[in-house]
PDB file of N, CA and C in Angstrom:
ATOM      1  N   PHE A   1      12.355  48.980  -5.620  1.00  0.00           N
ATOM      2  CA  PHE A   1      11.018  48.459  -5.830  1.00  0.00           C
ATOM      3  C   PHE A   1      11.045  47.194  -6.715  1.00  0.00           C
ATOM      4  N   SER A   2      11.901  47.187  -7.721  1.00  0.00           N
ATOM      5  CA  SER A   2      12.031  46.028  -8.609  1.00  0.00           C
ATOM      6  C   SER A   2      12.527  44.810  -7.845  1.00  0.00           C
ATOM      7  N   LEU A   3      13.425  45.032  -6.897  1.00  0.00           N
ATOM      8  CA  LEU A   3      13.930  43.925  -6.084  1.00  0.00           C
ATOM      9  C   LEU A   3      12.809  43.326  -5.237  1.00  0.00           C
ATOM     10  N   TYR A   4      11.925  44.156  -4.711  1.00  0.00           N
ATOM     11  CA  TYR A   4      10.781  43.692  -3.930  1.00  0.00           C
ATOM     12  C   TYR A   4       9.848  42.841  -4.791  1.00  0.00           C
ATOM     13  N   ILE A   5       9.545  43.288  -5.991  1.00  0.00           N
ATOM     14  CA  ILE A   5       8.678  42.557  -6.911  1.00  0.00           C
ATOM     15  C   ILE A   5       9.316  41.211  -7.274  1.00  0.00           C
ATOM     16  N   ALA A   6      10.607  41.214  -7.551  1.00  0.00           N
ATOM     17  CA  ALA A   6      11.315  39.980  -7.913  1.00  0.00           C
ATOM     18  C   ALA A   6      11.295  38.985  -6.758  1.00  0.00           C
ATOM     19  N   THR A   7      11.496  39.468  -5.539  1.00  0.00           N
ATOM     20  CA  THR A   7      11.489  38.595  -4.359  1.00  0.00           C
ATOM     21  C   THR A   7      10.095  38.005  -4.140  1.00  0.00           C
ATOM     22  N   CYS A   8       9.060  38.819  -4.277  1.00  0.00           N
ATOM     23  CA  CYS A   8       7.689  38.318  -4.114  1.00  0.00           C
ATOM     24  C   CYS A   8       7.346  37.300  -5.200  1.00  0.00           C
ATOM     25  N   LEU A   9       7.761  37.567  -6.406  1.00  0.00           N
ATOM     26  CA  LEU A   9       7.514  36.642  -7.508  1.00  0.00           C
ATOM     27  C   LEU A   9       8.226  35.310  -7.270  1.00  0.00           C
ATOM     28  N   PHE A  10       9.456  35.388  -6.797  1.00  0.00           N
ATOM     29  CA  PHE A  10      10.223  34.180  -6.479  1.00  0.00           C
ATOM     30  C   PHE A  10       9.537  33.370  -5.373  1.00  0.00           C
ATOM     31  N   ALA A  11       9.044  34.058  -4.350  1.00  0.00           N
ATOM     32  CA  ALA A  11       8.351  33.383  -3.249  1.00  0.00           C
ATOM     33  C   ALA A  11       7.068  32.713  -3.739  1.00  0.00           C
ATOM     34  N   MET A  12       6.326  33.387  -4.587  1.00  0.00           N
ATOM     35  CA  MET A  12       5.093  32.808  -5.125  1.00  0.00           C
ATOM     36  C   MET A  12       5.387  31.586  -6.000  1.00  0.00           C
ATOM     37  N   MET A  13       6.430  31.643  -6.796  1.00  0.00           N
ATOM     38  CA  MET A  13       6.796  30.507  -7.639  1.00  0.00           C
ATOM     39  C   MET A  13       7.224  29.317  -6.779  1.00  0.00           C
ATOM     40  N   ASN A  14       7.950  29.575  -5.703  1.00  0.00           N
ATOM     41  CA  ASN A  14       8.335  28.495  -4.787  1.00  0.00           C
ATOM     42  C   ASN A  14       7.110  27.865  -4.138  1.00  0.00           C
ATOM     43  N   LEU A  15       6.159  28.679  -3.769  1.00  0.00           N
ATOM     44  CA  LEU A  15       4.930  28.175  -3.163  1.00  0.00           C
ATOM     45  C   LEU A  15       4.154  27.300  -4.151  1.00  0.00           C
ATOM     46  N   LEU A  16       4.004  27.758  -5.360  1.00  0.00           N
ATOM     47  CA  LEU A  16       3.298  26.970  -6.372  1.00  0.00           C
ATOM     48  C   LEU A  16       4.023  25.661  -6.674  1.00  0.00           C
ATOM     49  N   THR A  17       5.333  25.704  -6.755  1.00  0.00           N
ATOM     50  CA  THR A  17       6.108  24.484  -6.995  1.00  0.00           C
ATOM     51  C   THR A  17       5.910  23.497  -5.848  1.00  0.00           C
ATOM     52  N   GLY A  18       5.913  23.996  -4.625  1.00  0.00           N
ATOM     53  CA  GLY A  18       5.695  23.134  -3.462  1.00  0.00           C
ATOM     54  C   GLY A  18       4.339  22.461  -3.495  1.00  0.00           C
ATOM     55  N   VAL A  19       3.308  23.178  -3.884  1.00  0.00           N
ATOM     56  CA  VAL A  19       1.954  22.614  -3.960  1.00  0.00           C
ATOM     57  C   VAL A  19       1.905  21.512  -5.010  1.00  0.00           C
ATOM     58  N   PHE A  20       2.494  21.755  -6.182  1.00  0.00           N
ATOM     59  CA  PHE A  20       2.487  20.749  -7.241  1.00  0.00           C
ATOM     60  C   PHE A  20       3.274  19.511  -6.845  1.00  0.00           C
ATOM     61  N   VAL A  21       4.413  19.693  -6.230  1.00  0.00           N
ATOM     62  CA  VAL A  21       5.234  18.551  -5.819  1.00  0.00           C
ATOM     63  C   VAL A  21       4.520  17.748  -4.734  1.00  0.00           C
ATOM     64  N   ASP A  22       3.887  18.426  -3.796  1.00  0.00           N
ATOM     65  CA  ASP A  22       3.155  17.720  -2.742  1.00  0.00           C
ATOM     66  C   ASP A  22       2.012  16.893  -3.321  1.00  0.00           C
ATOM     67  N   LYS A  23       1.285  17.437  -4.258  1.00  0.00           N
ATOM     68  CA  LYS A  23       0.182  16.708  -4.904  1.00  0.00           C
ATOM     69  C   LYS A  23       0.705  15.497  -5.669  1.00  0.00           C
ATOM     70  N   ALA A  24       1.814  15.677  -6.374  1.00  0.00           N
ATOM     71  CA  ALA A  24       2.401  14.563  -7.122  1.00  0.00           C
ATOM     72  C   ALA A  24       2.875  13.459  -6.182  1.00  0.00           C
ATOM     73  N   MET A  25       3.498  13.824  -5.082  1.00  0.00           N
ATOM     74  CA  MET A  25       3.980  12.830  -4.122  1.00  0.00           C
ATOM     75  C   MET A  25       2.806  12.072  -3.492  1.00  0.00           C
ATOM     76  N   ARG A  26       1.732  12.768  -3.188  1.00  0.00           N
ATOM     77  CA  ARG A  26       0.555  12.123  -2.611  1.00  0.00           C
ATOM     78  C   ARG A  26      -0.060  11.130  -3.595  1.00  0.00           C
ATOM     79  N   THR A  27      -0.114  11.507  -4.858  1.00  0.00           N
ATOM     80  CA  THR A  27      -0.658  10.625  -5.893  1.00  0.00           C
ATOM     81  C   THR A  27       0.203   9.378  -6.057  1.00  0.00           C
ATOM     82  N   VAL A  28       1.506   9.551  -6.052  1.00  0.00           N
ATOM     83  CA  VAL A  28       2.413   8.406  -6.172  1.00  0.00           C
ATOM     84  C   VAL A  28       2.251   7.476  -4.978  1.00  0.00           C
ATOM     85  N   ARG A  29       2.131   8.009  -3.781  1.00  0.00           N
ATOM     86  CA  ARG A  29       1.954   7.195  -2.576  1.00  0.00           C
ATOM     87  C   ARG A  29       0.656   6.400  -2.638  1.00  0.00           C
ATOM     88  N   GLU A  30      -0.421   7.041  -3.085  1.00  0.00           N
ATOM     89  CA  GLU A  30      -1.702   6.343  -3.207  1.00  0.00           C
ATOM     90  C   GLU A  30      -1.637   5.246  -4.260  1.00  0.00           C
ATOM     91  N   ASP A  31      -0.969   5.519  -5.372  1.00  0.00           N
ATOM     92  CA  ASP A  31      -0.812   4.499  -6.418  1.00  0.00           C
ATOM     93  C   ASP A  31       0.001   3.312  -5.906  1.00  0.00           C
ATOM     94  N   LYS A  32       1.047   3.588  -5.154  1.00  0.00           N
ATOM     95  CA  LYS A  32       1.885   2.515  -4.608  1.00  0.00           C
ATOM     96  C   LYS A  32       1.080   1.645  -3.643  1.00  0.00           C
ATOM     97  N   ASP A  33       0.272   2.290  -2.794  1.00  0.00           N
ATOM     98  CA  ASP A  33      -0.569   1.534  -1.865  1.00  0.00           C
ATOM     99  C   ASP A  33      -1.556   0.648  -2.610  1.00  0.00           C
ATOM    100  N   MET A  34      -2.127   1.166  -3.688  1.00  0.00           N
ATOM    101  CA  MET A  34      -3.085   0.398  -4.475  1.00  0.00           C
ATOM    102  C   MET A  34      -2.399  -0.799  -5.151  1.00  0.00           C
ATOM    103  N   VAL A  35      -1.215  -0.581  -5.671  1.00  0.00           N
ATOM    104  CA  VAL A  35      -0.472  -1.671  -6.318  1.00  0.00           C
ATOM    105  C   VAL A  35      -0.122  -2.748  -5.299  1.00  0.00           C
ATOM    106  N   LEU A  36       0.306  -2.352  -4.101  1.00  0.00           N
ATOM    107  CA  LEU A  36       0.652  -3.337  -3.075  1.00  0.00           C
ATOM    108  C   LEU A  36      -0.578  -4.122  -2.626  1.00  0.00           C
ATOM    109  N   ALA A  37      -1.722  -3.456  -2.496  1.00  0.00           N
ATOM    110  CA  ALA A  37      -2.950  -4.156  -2.109  1.00  0.00           C
ATOM    111  C   ALA A  37      -3.376  -5.140  -3.200  1.00  0.00           C
ATOM    112  N   THR A  38      -3.255  -4.731  -4.447  1.00  0.00           N
ATOM    113  CA  THR A  38      -3.589  -5.626  -5.559  1.00  0.00           C
ATOM    114  C   THR A  38      -2.642  -6.809  -5.600  1.00  0.00           C
ATOM    115  N   ARG A  39      -1.386  -6.559  -5.311  1.00  0.00           N
ATOM    116  CA  ARG A  39      -0.395  -7.635  -5.343  1.00  0.00           C
ATOM    117  C   ARG A  39      -0.674  -8.691  -4.270  1.00  0.00           C
ATOM    118  N   ILE A  40      -0.998  -8.286  -3.069  1.00  0.00           N
ATOM    119  CA  ILE A  40      -1.263  -9.285  -2.015  1.00  0.00           C
ATOM    120  C   ILE A  40      -2.565 -10.021  -2.319  1.00  0.00           C
ATOM    121  N   ARG A  41      -3.546  -9.325  -2.885  1.00  0.00           N
ATOM    122  CA  ARG A  41      -4.784 -10.010  -3.272  1.00  0.00           C
ATOM    123  C   ARG A  41      -4.490 -11.077  -4.328  1.00  0.00           C
ATOM    124  N   ASP A  42      -3.660 -10.735  -5.302  1.00  0.00           N
ATOM    125  CA  ASP A  42      -3.315 -11.690  -6.354  1.00  0.00           C
ATOM    126  C   ASP A  42      -2.482 -12.851  -5.823  1.00  0.00           C
ATOM    127  N   LEU A  43      -1.670 -12.598  -4.801  1.00  0.00           N
ATOM    128  CA  LEU A  43      -0.875 -13.680  -4.211  1.00  0.00           C
ATOM    129  C   LEU A  43      -1.768 -14.766  -3.620  1.00  0.00           C
ATOM    130  N   PHE A  44      -2.856 -14.353  -3.025  1.00  0.00           N
ATOM    131  CA  PHE A  44      -3.711 -15.317  -2.336  1.00  0.00           C
ATOM    132  C   PHE A  44      -4.921 -15.748  -3.145  1.00  0.00           C
ATOM    133  N   LEU A  45      -5.564 -14.804  -3.775  1.00  0.00           N
ATOM    134  CA  LEU A  45      -6.833 -15.115  -4.414  1.00  0.00           C
ATOM    135  C   LEU A  45      -6.707 -15.353  -5.908  1.00  0.00           C
ATOM    136  N   GLY A  46      -5.566 -15.096  -6.480  1.00  0.00           N
ATOM    137  CA  GLY A  46      -5.378 -15.292  -7.907  1.00  0.00           C
ATOM    138  C   GLY A  46      -5.887 -14.114  -8.695  1.00  0.00           C
ATOM    139  N   ASP A  47      -5.699 -14.172 -10.013  1.00  0.00           N
ATOM    140  CA  ASP A  47      -6.076 -13.077 -10.891  1.00  0.00           C
ATOM    141  C   ASP A  47      -7.521 -13.143 -11.366  1.00  0.00           C
ATOM    142  N   ASP A  48      -8.131 -14.307 -11.285  1.00  0.00           N
ATOM    143  CA  ASP A  48      -9.480 -14.437 -11.841  1.00  0.00           C
ATOM    144  C   ASP A  48     -10.547 -14.108 -10.811  1.00  0.00           C
ATOM    145  N   GLU A  49     -11.700 -13.739 -11.307  1.00  0.00           N
ATOM    146  CA  GLU A  49     -12.814 -13.352 -10.437  1.00  0.00           C
ATOM    147  C   GLU A  49     -13.526 -14.553  -9.823  1.00  0.00           C
ATOM    148  N   ASP A  50     -13.240 -15.767 -10.287  1.00  0.00           N
ATOM    149  CA  ASP A  50     -13.890 -16.951  -9.726  1.00  0.00           C
ATOM    150  C   ASP A  50     -13.499 -17.180  -8.277  1.00  0.00           C
ATOM    151  N   ASN A  51     -12.350 -16.681  -7.882  1.00  0.00           N
ATOM    152  CA  ASN A  51     -11.852 -16.884  -6.522  1.00  0.00           C
ATOM    153  C   ASN A  51     -12.286 -15.772  -5.579  1.00  0.00           C
ATOM    154  N   ALA A  52     -13.177 -14.897  -6.006  1.00  0.00           N
ATOM    155  CA  ALA A  52     -13.540 -13.725  -5.219  1.00  0.00           C
ATOM    156  C   ALA A  52     -14.192 -14.089  -3.884  1.00  0.00           C
ATOM    157  N   CYS A  53     -14.782 -15.266  -3.772  1.00  0.00           N
ATOM    158  CA  CYS A  53     -15.466 -15.619  -2.537  1.00  0.00           C
ATOM    159  C   CYS A  53     -14.561 -16.383  -1.567  1.00  0.00           C
ATOM    160  N   GLU A  54     -13.377 -16.723  -1.983  1.00  0.00           N
ATOM    161  CA  GLU A  54     -12.488 -17.476  -1.112  1.00  0.00           C
ATOM    162  C   GLU A  54     -12.009 -16.617   0.045  1.00  0.00           C
ATOM    163  N   GLU A  55     -11.672 -17.287   1.129  1.00  0.00           N
ATOM    164  CA  GLU A  55     -11.157 -16.605   2.307  1.00  0.00           C
ATOM    165  C   GLU A  55      -9.780 -17.153   2.637  1.00  0.00           C
ATOM    166  N   ILE A  56      -8.957 -16.305   3.227  1.00  0.00           N
ATOM    167  CA  ILE A  56      -7.601 -16.686   3.617  1.00  0.00           C
ATOM    168  C   ILE A  56      -7.589 -16.877   5.127  1.00  0.00           C
ATOM    169  N   THR A  57      -7.180 -18.024   5.564  1.00  0.00           N
ATOM    170  CA  THR A  57      -7.042 -18.271   6.998  1.00  0.00           C
ATOM    171  C   THR A  57      -5.605 -17.986   7.407  1.00  0.00           C
ATOM    172  N   TRP A  58      -5.354 -17.944   8.702  1.00  0.00           N
ATOM    173  CA  TRP A  58      -3.989 -17.725   9.187  1.00  0.00           C
ATOM    174  C   TRP A  58      -3.065 -18.845   8.707  1.00  0.00           C
ATOM    175  N   GLU A  59      -3.567 -20.062   8.633  1.00  0.00           N
ATOM    176  CA  GLU A  59      -2.750 -21.188   8.170  1.00  0.00           C
ATOM    177  C   GLU A  59      -2.313 -20.976   6.718  1.00  0.00           C
ATOM    178  N   ASP A  60      -3.247 -20.551   5.855  1.00  0.00           N
ATOM    179  CA  ASP A  60      -2.904 -20.252   4.458  1.00  0.00           C
ATOM    180  C   ASP A  60      -1.891 -19.115   4.378  1.00  0.00           C
ATOM    181  N   PHE A  61      -2.125 -18.104   5.190  1.00  0.00           N
ATOM    182  CA  PHE A  61      -1.249 -16.937   5.196  1.00  0.00           C
ATOM    183  C   PHE A  61       0.159 -17.333   5.632  1.00  0.00           C
ATOM    184  N   SER A  62       0.263 -18.124   6.684  1.00  0.00           N
ATOM    185  CA  SER A  62       1.585 -18.510   7.187  1.00  0.00           C
ATOM    186  C   SER A  62       2.322 -19.432   6.218  1.00  0.00           C
ATOM    187  N   LEU A  63       1.585 -20.273   5.474  1.00  0.00           N
ATOM    188  CA  LEU A  63       2.228 -21.116   4.461  1.00  0.00           C
ATOM    189  C   LEU A  63       2.803 -20.280   3.322  1.00  0.00           C
ATOM    190  N   LYS A  64       2.115 -19.209   2.949  1.00  0.00           N
ATOM    191  CA  LYS A  64       2.583 -18.334   1.869  1.00  0.00           C
ATOM    192  C   LYS A  64       3.805 -17.501   2.281  1.00  0.00           C
ATOM    193  N   LEU A  65       4.037 -17.373   3.582  1.00  0.00           N
ATOM    194  CA  LEU A  65       5.165 -16.563   4.050  1.00  0.00           C
ATOM    195  C   LEU A  65       6.509 -17.085   3.563  1.00  0.00           C
ATOM    196  N   GLU A  66       6.573 -18.353   3.225  1.00  0.00           N
ATOM    197  CA  GLU A  66       7.831 -18.945   2.790  1.00  0.00           C
ATOM    198  C   GLU A  66       8.123 -18.664   1.321  1.00  0.00           C
ATOM    199  N   SER A  67       7.148 -18.174   0.574  1.00  0.00           N
ATOM    200  CA  SER A  67       7.350 -17.920  -0.857  1.00  0.00           C
ATOM    201  C   SER A  67       8.174 -16.652  -1.060  1.00  0.00           C
ATOM    202  N   ASN A  68       8.897 -16.624  -2.166  1.00  0.00           N
ATOM    203  CA  ASN A  68       9.719 -15.452  -2.487  1.00  0.00           C
ATOM    204  C   ASN A  68       8.859 -14.216  -2.718  1.00  0.00           C
ATOM    205  N   ALA A  69       7.700 -14.410  -3.330  1.00  0.00           N
ATOM    206  CA  ALA A  69       6.821 -13.272  -3.606  1.00  0.00           C
ATOM    207  C   ALA A  69       6.348 -12.618  -2.315  1.00  0.00           C
ATOM    208  N   MET A  70       6.008 -13.413  -1.316  1.00  0.00           N
ATOM    209  CA  MET A  70       5.563 -12.862  -0.035  1.00  0.00           C
ATOM    210  C   MET A  70       6.703 -12.161   0.692  1.00  0.00           C
ATOM    211  N   GLN A  71       7.885 -12.757   0.658  1.00  0.00           N
ATOM    212  CA  GLN A  71       9.023 -12.125   1.318  1.00  0.00           C
ATOM    213  C   GLN A  71       9.357 -10.791   0.653  1.00  0.00           C
ATOM    214  N   GLU A  72       9.236 -10.736  -0.662  1.00  0.00           N
ATOM    215  CA  GLU A  72       9.463  -9.478  -1.382  1.00  0.00           C
ATOM    216  C   GLU A  72       8.399  -8.446  -1.026  1.00  0.00           C
ATOM    217  N   TYR A  73       7.159  -8.899  -0.884  1.00  0.00           N
ATOM    218  CA  TYR A  73       6.077  -8.003  -0.496  1.00  0.00           C
ATOM    219  C   TYR A  73       6.346  -7.404   0.881  1.00  0.00           C
ATOM    220  N   PHE A  74       6.781  -8.220   1.815  1.00  0.00           N
ATOM    221  CA  PHE A  74       7.064  -7.733   3.163  1.00  0.00           C
ATOM    222  C   PHE A  74       8.211  -6.730   3.151  1.00  0.00           C
ATOM    223  N   LYS A  75       9.202  -6.942   2.284  1.00  0.00           N
ATOM    224  CA  LYS A  75      10.292  -5.972   2.163  1.00  0.00           C
ATOM    225  C   LYS A  75       9.774  -4.640   1.641  1.00  0.00           C
ATOM    226  N   GLN A  76       8.869  -4.681   0.672  1.00  0.00           N
ATOM    227  CA  GLN A  76       8.347  -3.449   0.077  1.00  0.00           C
ATOM    228  C   GLN A  76       7.520  -2.632   1.058  1.00  0.00           C
ATOM    229  N   ILE A  77       6.830  -3.292   1.965  1.00  0.00           N
ATOM    230  CA  ILE A  77       6.022  -2.550   2.930  1.00  0.00           C
ATOM    231  C   ILE A  77       6.766  -2.327   4.247  1.00  0.00           C
ATOM    232  N   ASN A  78       8.057  -2.701   4.282  1.00  0.00           N
ATOM    233  CA  ASN A  78       8.913  -2.501   5.457  1.00  0.00           C
ATOM    234  C   ASN A  78       8.364  -3.161   6.717  1.00  0.00           C
ATOM    235  N   VAL A  79       7.948  -4.410   6.572  1.00  0.00           N
ATOM    236  CA  VAL A  79       7.452  -5.193   7.700  1.00  0.00           C
ATOM    237  C   VAL A  79       8.289  -6.463   7.793  1.00  0.00           C
ATOM    238  N   GLU A  80       8.712  -6.791   8.988  1.00  0.00           N
ATOM    239  CA  GLU A  80       9.473  -8.018   9.208  1.00  0.00           C
ATOM    240  C   GLU A  80       8.539  -9.224   9.125  1.00  0.00           C
ATOM    241  N   ILE A  81       9.078 -10.349   8.682  1.00  0.00           N
ATOM    242  CA  ILE A  81       8.289 -11.584   8.598  1.00  0.00           C
ATOM    243  C   ILE A  81       7.758 -11.970   9.983  1.00  0.00           C
ATOM    244  N   SER A  82       8.517 -11.644  11.024  1.00  0.00           N
ATOM    245  CA  SER A  82       8.081 -11.979  12.382  1.00  0.00           C
ATOM    246  C   SER A  82       6.817 -11.218  12.788  1.00  0.00           C
ATOM    247  N   GLU A  83       6.481 -10.153  12.079  1.00  0.00           N
ATOM    248  CA  GLU A  83       5.287  -9.367  12.377  1.00  0.00           C
ATOM    249  C   GLU A  83       4.107  -9.756  11.492  1.00  0.00           C
ATOM    250  N   ALA A  84       4.193 -10.929  10.879  1.00  0.00           N
ATOM    251  CA  ALA A  84       3.164 -11.364   9.932  1.00  0.00           C
ATOM    252  C   ALA A  84       1.801 -11.519  10.611  1.00  0.00           C
ATOM    253  N   ARG A  85       1.787 -12.031  11.813  1.00  0.00           N
ATOM    254  CA  ARG A  85       0.502 -12.231  12.505  1.00  0.00           C
ATOM    255  C   ARG A  85      -0.193 -10.892  12.750  1.00  0.00           C
ATOM    256  N   ALA A  86       0.578  -9.881  13.105  1.00  0.00           N
ATOM    257  CA  ALA A  86      -0.002  -8.547  13.325  1.00  0.00           C
ATOM    258  C   ALA A  86      -0.570  -7.995  12.021  1.00  0.00           C
ATOM    259  N   LEU A  87       0.114  -8.226  10.908  1.00  0.00           N
ATOM    260  CA  LEU A  87      -0.392  -7.784   9.609  1.00  0.00           C
ATOM    261  C   LEU A  87      -1.679  -8.527   9.260  1.00  0.00           C
ATOM    262  N   PHE A  88      -1.699  -9.833   9.515  1.00  0.00           N
ATOM    263  CA  PHE A  88      -2.907 -10.620   9.248  1.00  0.00           C
ATOM    264  C   PHE A  88      -4.076 -10.074  10.065  1.00  0.00           C
ATOM    265  N   ASP A  89      -3.846  -9.800  11.350  1.00  0.00           N
ATOM    266  CA  ASP A  89      -4.910  -9.266  12.204  1.00  0.00           C
ATOM    267  C   ASP A  89      -5.363  -7.884  11.737  1.00  0.00           C
ATOM    268  N   LEU A  90      -4.425  -7.101  11.217  1.00  0.00           N
ATOM    269  CA  LEU A  90      -4.773  -5.781  10.698  1.00  0.00           C
ATOM    270  C   LEU A  90      -5.638  -5.889   9.447  1.00  0.00           C
ATOM    271  N   LEU A  91      -5.303  -6.829   8.576  1.00  0.00           N
ATOM    272  CA  LEU A  91      -6.099  -7.032   7.361  1.00  0.00           C
ATOM    273  C   LEU A  91      -7.464  -7.646   7.661  1.00  0.00           C
ATOM    274  N   ASP A  92      -7.547  -8.418   8.726  1.00  0.00           N
ATOM    275  CA  ASP A  92      -8.811  -9.049   9.122  1.00  0.00           C
ATOM    276  C   ASP A  92      -9.663  -8.012   9.862  1.00  0.00           C
ATOM    277  N   SER A  93     -10.262  -7.120   9.100  1.00  0.00           N
ATOM    278  CA  SER A  93     -10.958  -5.984   9.694  1.00  0.00           C
ATOM    279  C   SER A  93     -12.210  -6.363  10.471  1.00  0.00           C
ATOM    280  N   ASP A  94     -12.854  -7.485  10.116  1.00  0.00           N
ATOM    281  CA  ASP A  94     -14.066  -7.868  10.845  1.00  0.00           C
ATOM    282  C   ASP A  94     -13.775  -8.779  12.029  1.00  0.00           C
ATOM    283  N   GLY A  95     -12.517  -9.194  12.213  1.00  0.00           N
ATOM    284  CA  GLY A  95     -12.141 -10.018  13.363  1.00  0.00           C
ATOM    285  C   GLY A  95     -12.625 -11.444  13.279  1.00  0.00           C
ATOM    286  N   GLY A  96     -12.981 -11.919  12.098  1.00  0.00           N
ATOM    287  CA  GLY A  96     -13.514 -13.264  11.942  1.00  0.00           C
ATOM    288  C   GLY A  96     -12.466 -14.359  11.832  1.00  0.00           C
ATOM    289  N   GLY A  97     -11.190 -14.000  11.817  1.00  0.00           N
ATOM    290  CA  GLY A  97     -10.143 -15.016  11.709  1.00  0.00           C
ATOM    291  C   GLY A  97      -9.800 -15.384  10.277  1.00  0.00           C
ATOM    292  N   THR A  98     -10.476 -14.752   9.323  1.00  0.00           N
ATOM    293  CA  THR A  98     -10.185 -14.975   7.909  1.00  0.00           C
ATOM    294  C   THR A  98     -10.172 -13.632   7.193  1.00  0.00           C
ATOM    295  N   ILE A  99      -9.492 -13.609   6.060  1.00  0.00           N
ATOM    296  CA  ILE A  99      -9.450 -12.408   5.223  1.00  0.00           C
ATOM    297  C   ILE A  99     -10.105 -12.766   3.901  1.00  0.00           C
ATOM    298  N   ASP A 100     -11.102 -11.999   3.513  1.00  0.00           N
ATOM    299  CA  ASP A 100     -11.710 -12.245   2.202  1.00  0.00           C
ATOM    300  C   ASP A 100     -11.295 -11.122   1.245  1.00  0.00           C
ATOM    301  N   SER A 101     -11.713 -11.229   0.016  1.00  0.00           N
ATOM    302  CA  SER A 101     -11.286 -10.264  -1.007  1.00  0.00           C
ATOM    303  C   SER A 101     -11.753  -8.846  -0.714  1.00  0.00           C
ATOM    304  N   LYS A 102     -12.851  -8.698  -0.012  1.00  0.00           N
ATOM    305  CA  LYS A 102     -13.347  -7.358   0.310  1.00  0.00           C
ATOM    306  C   LYS A 102     -12.481  -6.684   1.368  1.00  0.00           C
ATOM    307  N   GLU A 103     -11.909  -7.466   2.287  1.00  0.00           N
ATOM    308  CA  GLU A 103     -11.060  -6.900   3.323  1.00  0.00           C
ATOM    309  C   GLU A 103      -9.705  -6.488   2.770  1.00  0.00           C
ATOM    310  N   ILE A 104      -9.261  -7.166   1.748  1.00  0.00           N
ATOM    311  CA  ILE A 104      -7.980  -6.810   1.143  1.00  0.00           C
ATOM    312  C   ILE A 104      -8.191  -5.580   0.301  1.00  0.00           C
TER     313      ILE A 104
END
């Protein structure tokens, strides 16, 4: 009977550990996504709020692709530079041909 109790206790502890680890991993993933979104916004729009109304066109985006910061960003999100246009179209959620601070 003691062996049964020990096995059940071990199973419950494993289950609780799994739940905590899953929650922690999800939180880390969300934080990483937020940091990456903030980083690309800062690359284009700058750190100050005065630039909040500016829009990024494909021409601006393609010029920034040559910078080391942009190439590092693409490495972090596991996207090839050749797929930059697809990323731009994905960020351009309203289909207007420009990306503003709200879309980022």
